[in-house]
């Protein structure tokens, strides 16, 4: 995905780090770069909102923690789907 506008942090880079951003797993420097990108890029901000909503829904619906292997497989498939959508 790209909004077509130039940004210091590319849309693809921002979206690739989106889950880490939402989960608070980034260094302060990288977190600030993603936040700035989301502040100036409406399509990526919309995507971030969808991702936050999905995570909140899953969190409310699931009381058990997924095994680490399952989490990694799900994230890999989401990355694969995102890449296919970007290539389309």
N, C-alpha and C. Protein backbone atom coordinates (compact mmCIF):
# COMPACT_ATOMS: atom_id res chain seq x y z
N UNK A 1 0.85 -1.17 0.00
CA UNK A 1 0.00 0.00 0.00
C UNK A 1 0.89 1.23 0.00
N UNK A 2 0.49 2.19 -0.75
CA UNK A 2 1.18 3.47 -0.74
C UNK A 2 0.15 4.54 -1.07
N UNK A 3 0.24 5.65 -0.38
CA UNK A 3 -0.70 6.74 -0.64
C UNK A 3 -0.25 7.58 -1.83
N UNK A 4 0.98 7.34 -2.30
CA UNK A 4 1.50 8.09 -3.42
C UNK A 4 2.21 9.36 -3.04
N UNK A 5 2.19 9.70 -1.78
CA UNK A 5 2.87 10.91 -1.31
C UNK A 5 4.21 10.55 -0.68
N UNK A 6 5.19 11.42 -0.83
CA UNK A 6 6.50 11.13 -0.22
C UNK A 6 6.44 11.32 1.30
N UNK A 7 7.06 10.41 2.00
CA UNK A 7 7.15 10.48 3.46
C UNK A 7 8.57 10.11 3.86
N UNK A 8 9.00 10.59 5.01
CA UNK A 8 10.32 10.19 5.51
C UNK A 8 10.37 8.68 5.70
N UNK A 9 9.29 8.11 6.24
CA UNK A 9 9.17 6.66 6.38
C UNK A 9 8.17 6.18 5.34
N UNK A 10 8.60 5.27 4.48
CA UNK A 10 7.77 4.74 3.41
C UNK A 10 6.54 4.02 3.98
N UNK A 11 5.43 4.08 3.25
CA UNK A 11 4.19 3.42 3.69
C UNK A 11 4.42 1.94 3.96
N UNK A 12 5.10 1.26 3.05
CA UNK A 12 5.34 -0.18 3.22
C UNK A 12 6.13 -0.45 4.50
N UNK A 13 7.13 0.37 4.77
CA UNK A 13 7.92 0.20 5.99
C UNK A 13 7.06 0.43 7.23
N UNK A 14 6.23 1.45 7.19
CA UNK A 14 5.36 1.75 8.33
C UNK A 14 4.38 0.60 8.58
N UNK A 15 3.79 0.08 7.51
CA UNK A 15 2.82 -1.00 7.67
C UNK A 15 3.49 -2.30 8.09
N UNK A 16 4.72 -2.52 7.64
CA UNK A 16 5.45 -3.72 8.06
C UNK A 16 5.71 -3.72 9.57
N UNK A 17 5.82 -2.55 10.16
CA UNK A 17 6.12 -2.43 11.59
C UNK A 17 4.87 -2.14 12.42
N UNK A 18 3.71 -2.18 11.79
CA UNK A 18 2.47 -1.75 12.45
C UNK A 18 2.15 -2.56 13.70
N UNK A 19 2.25 -3.89 13.63
CA UNK A 19 1.94 -4.69 14.81
C UNK A 19 2.92 -4.40 15.94
N UNK A 20 4.17 -4.24 15.60
CA UNK A 20 5.15 -3.90 16.62
C UNK A 20 4.85 -2.54 17.23
N UNK A 21 4.39 -1.60 16.40
CA UNK A 21 4.01 -0.27 16.88
C UNK A 21 2.83 -0.37 17.84
N UNK A 22 1.80 -1.09 17.42
CA UNK A 22 0.60 -1.23 18.24
C UNK A 22 0.92 -1.92 19.57
N UNK A 23 1.80 -2.91 19.50
CA UNK A 23 2.15 -3.68 20.70
C UNK A 23 3.22 -3.01 21.57
N UNK A 24 3.73 -1.86 21.13
CA UNK A 24 4.74 -1.15 21.91
C UNK A 24 6.08 -1.86 21.94
N UNK A 25 6.42 -2.53 20.85
CA UNK A 25 7.65 -3.32 20.80
C UNK A 25 8.79 -2.64 20.04
N UNK A 26 8.65 -1.37 19.73
CA UNK A 26 9.67 -0.65 18.96
C UNK A 26 10.52 0.23 19.87
N UNK A 27 11.71 0.55 19.38
CA UNK A 27 12.53 1.51 20.11
C UNK A 27 11.82 2.87 20.04
N UNK A 28 12.10 3.75 20.96
CA UNK A 28 11.46 5.07 20.92
C UNK A 28 11.67 5.80 19.59
N UNK A 29 12.86 5.66 19.02
CA UNK A 29 13.16 6.34 17.75
C UNK A 29 12.28 5.81 16.61
N UNK A 30 12.18 4.50 16.49
CA UNK A 30 11.37 3.90 15.43
C UNK A 30 9.89 4.18 15.69
N UNK A 31 9.48 4.10 16.94
CA UNK A 31 8.08 4.39 17.30
C UNK A 31 7.70 5.81 16.88
N UNK A 32 8.59 6.76 17.10
CA UNK A 32 8.32 8.15 16.71
C UNK A 32 8.20 8.28 15.19
N UNK A 33 9.06 7.57 14.45
CA UNK A 33 8.99 7.63 12.99
C UNK A 33 7.66 7.08 12.48
N UNK A 34 7.21 5.97 13.05
CA UNK A 34 5.93 5.39 12.63
C UNK A 34 4.78 6.32 13.02
N UNK A 35 4.84 6.90 14.22
CA UNK A 35 3.78 7.81 14.67
C UNK A 35 3.69 9.01 13.74
N UNK A 36 4.84 9.57 13.36
CA UNK A 36 4.85 10.72 12.44
C UNK A 36 4.23 10.31 11.11
N UNK A 37 4.60 9.14 10.63
CA UNK A 37 4.05 8.67 9.36
C UNK A 37 2.53 8.54 9.46
N UNK A 38 2.03 7.93 10.53
CA UNK A 38 0.59 7.75 10.68
C UNK A 38 -0.12 9.10 10.81
N UNK A 39 0.54 10.07 11.43
CA UNK A 39 -0.05 11.41 11.56
C UNK A 39 -0.24 12.10 10.21
N UNK A 40 0.63 11.77 9.23
CA UNK A 40 0.55 12.46 7.95
C UNK A 40 0.00 11.60 6.81
N UNK A 41 -0.33 10.35 7.08
CA UNK A 41 -0.77 9.45 6.01
C UNK A 41 -2.11 8.80 6.38
N UNK A 42 -3.18 9.32 5.84
CA UNK A 42 -4.53 8.84 6.18
C UNK A 42 -4.74 7.36 5.85
N UNK A 43 -4.30 6.85 4.68
CA UNK A 43 -4.52 5.42 4.40
C UNK A 43 -3.83 4.51 5.42
N UNK A 44 -2.62 4.86 5.82
CA UNK A 44 -1.92 4.04 6.80
C UNK A 44 -2.56 4.19 8.18
N UNK A 45 -3.04 5.37 8.50
CA UNK A 45 -3.74 5.57 9.77
C UNK A 45 -5.01 4.74 9.81
N UNK A 46 -5.73 4.68 8.69
CA UNK A 46 -6.92 3.83 8.62
C UNK A 46 -6.57 2.37 8.84
N UNK A 47 -5.49 1.92 8.22
CA UNK A 47 -5.03 0.53 8.37
C UNK A 47 -4.67 0.26 9.83
N UNK A 48 -4.02 1.21 10.47
CA UNK A 48 -3.66 1.06 11.88
C UNK A 48 -4.91 0.94 12.73
N UNK A 49 -5.94 1.71 12.40
CA UNK A 49 -7.20 1.63 13.14
C UNK A 49 -7.85 0.27 13.01
N UNK A 50 -7.82 -0.29 11.81
CA UNK A 50 -8.38 -1.62 11.58
C UNK A 50 -7.60 -2.65 12.38
N UNK A 51 -6.29 -2.57 12.34
CA UNK A 51 -5.45 -3.52 13.06
C UNK A 51 -5.69 -3.43 14.57
N UNK A 52 -5.83 -2.22 15.08
CA UNK A 52 -6.11 -2.05 16.52
C UNK A 52 -7.46 -2.66 16.87
N UNK A 53 -8.45 -2.45 16.01
CA UNK A 53 -9.79 -3.00 16.27
C UNK A 53 -9.77 -4.51 16.27
N UNK A 54 -9.04 -5.10 15.33
CA UNK A 54 -8.94 -6.57 15.26
C UNK A 54 -8.26 -7.09 16.53
N UNK A 55 -7.16 -6.48 16.93
CA UNK A 55 -6.46 -6.91 18.13
C UNK A 55 -7.35 -6.77 19.36
N UNK A 56 -8.12 -5.70 19.45
CA UNK A 56 -9.01 -5.51 20.60
C UNK A 56 -10.11 -6.57 20.61
N UNK A 57 -10.67 -6.87 19.44
CA UNK A 57 -11.71 -7.88 19.35
C UNK A 57 -11.18 -9.25 19.75
N UNK A 58 -10.03 -9.60 19.24
CA UNK A 58 -9.42 -10.88 19.60
C UNK A 58 -9.12 -10.92 21.09
N UNK A 59 -8.62 -9.83 21.61
CA UNK A 59 -8.29 -9.77 23.03
C UNK A 59 -9.53 -9.97 23.91
N UNK A 60 -10.63 -9.35 23.52
CA UNK A 60 -11.87 -9.50 24.29
C UNK A 60 -12.46 -10.89 24.14
N UNK A 61 -12.26 -11.51 23.01
CA UNK A 61 -12.89 -12.79 22.72
C UNK A 61 -12.09 -13.98 23.23
N UNK A 62 -10.83 -13.80 23.46
CA UNK A 62 -9.96 -14.92 23.83
C UNK A 62 -9.41 -14.72 25.22
N UNK A 63 -9.64 -15.69 26.06
CA UNK A 63 -9.08 -15.60 27.41
C UNK A 63 -7.81 -16.41 27.53
N UNK A 64 -7.52 -17.23 26.53
CA UNK A 64 -6.31 -18.04 26.54
C UNK A 64 -5.24 -17.39 25.67
N UNK A 65 -4.00 -17.67 26.00
CA UNK A 65 -2.88 -17.17 25.20
C UNK A 65 -2.54 -18.21 24.14
N UNK A 66 -2.40 -17.75 22.91
CA UNK A 66 -2.05 -18.65 21.82
C UNK A 66 -0.61 -19.12 21.99
N UNK A 67 -0.36 -20.38 21.64
CA UNK A 67 1.03 -20.86 21.68
C UNK A 67 1.90 -20.02 20.74
N UNK A 68 3.16 -19.86 21.11
CA UNK A 68 4.07 -19.01 20.34
C UNK A 68 4.17 -19.44 18.88
N UNK A 69 4.19 -20.74 18.62
CA UNK A 69 4.27 -21.23 17.25
C UNK A 69 3.07 -20.82 16.42
N UNK A 70 1.88 -20.88 17.02
CA UNK A 70 0.66 -20.47 16.33
C UNK A 70 0.70 -18.98 16.04
N UNK A 71 1.11 -18.20 17.01
CA UNK A 71 1.20 -16.74 16.81
C UNK A 71 2.13 -16.41 15.65
N UNK A 72 3.27 -17.08 15.60
CA UNK A 72 4.23 -16.83 14.53
C UNK A 72 3.67 -17.23 13.16
N UNK A 73 2.94 -18.35 13.10
CA UNK A 73 2.34 -18.78 11.82
C UNK A 73 1.27 -17.80 11.37
N UNK A 74 0.46 -17.32 12.29
CA UNK A 74 -0.58 -16.35 11.94
C UNK A 74 0.05 -15.05 11.44
N UNK A 75 1.06 -14.57 12.14
CA UNK A 75 1.73 -13.34 11.72
C UNK A 75 2.39 -13.52 10.35
N UNK A 76 2.98 -14.69 10.12
CA UNK A 76 3.61 -14.95 8.82
C UNK A 76 2.57 -14.93 7.70
N UNK A 77 1.41 -15.51 7.96
CA UNK A 77 0.35 -15.52 6.94
C UNK A 77 -0.20 -14.13 6.71
N UNK A 78 -0.32 -13.34 7.76
CA UNK A 78 -0.78 -11.96 7.60
C UNK A 78 0.23 -11.17 6.78
N UNK A 79 1.51 -11.36 7.05
CA UNK A 79 2.55 -10.69 6.27
C UNK A 79 2.47 -11.12 4.81
N UNK A 80 2.25 -12.41 4.58
CA UNK A 80 2.15 -12.94 3.22
C UNK A 80 0.94 -12.31 2.50
N UNK A 81 -0.18 -12.23 3.18
CA UNK A 81 -1.38 -11.64 2.58
C UNK A 81 -1.17 -10.16 2.28
N UNK A 82 -0.50 -9.46 3.21
CA UNK A 82 -0.22 -8.03 3.00
C UNK A 82 0.69 -7.83 1.80
N UNK A 83 1.68 -8.72 1.64
CA UNK A 83 2.60 -8.63 0.52
C UNK A 83 1.86 -8.90 -0.79
N UNK A 84 0.99 -9.91 -0.79
CA UNK A 84 0.21 -10.21 -2.00
C UNK A 84 -0.68 -9.04 -2.37
N UNK A 85 -1.28 -8.40 -1.38
CA UNK A 85 -2.15 -7.25 -1.65
C UNK A 85 -1.33 -6.09 -2.20
N UNK A 86 -0.12 -5.91 -1.68
CA UNK A 86 0.75 -4.82 -2.15
C UNK A 86 1.21 -5.08 -3.60
N UNK A 87 1.41 -6.34 -3.94
CA UNK A 87 1.87 -6.69 -5.28
C UNK A 87 0.75 -6.62 -6.31
N UNK A 88 -0.48 -6.67 -5.84
CA UNK A 88 -1.62 -6.67 -6.77
C UNK A 88 -1.89 -5.31 -7.37
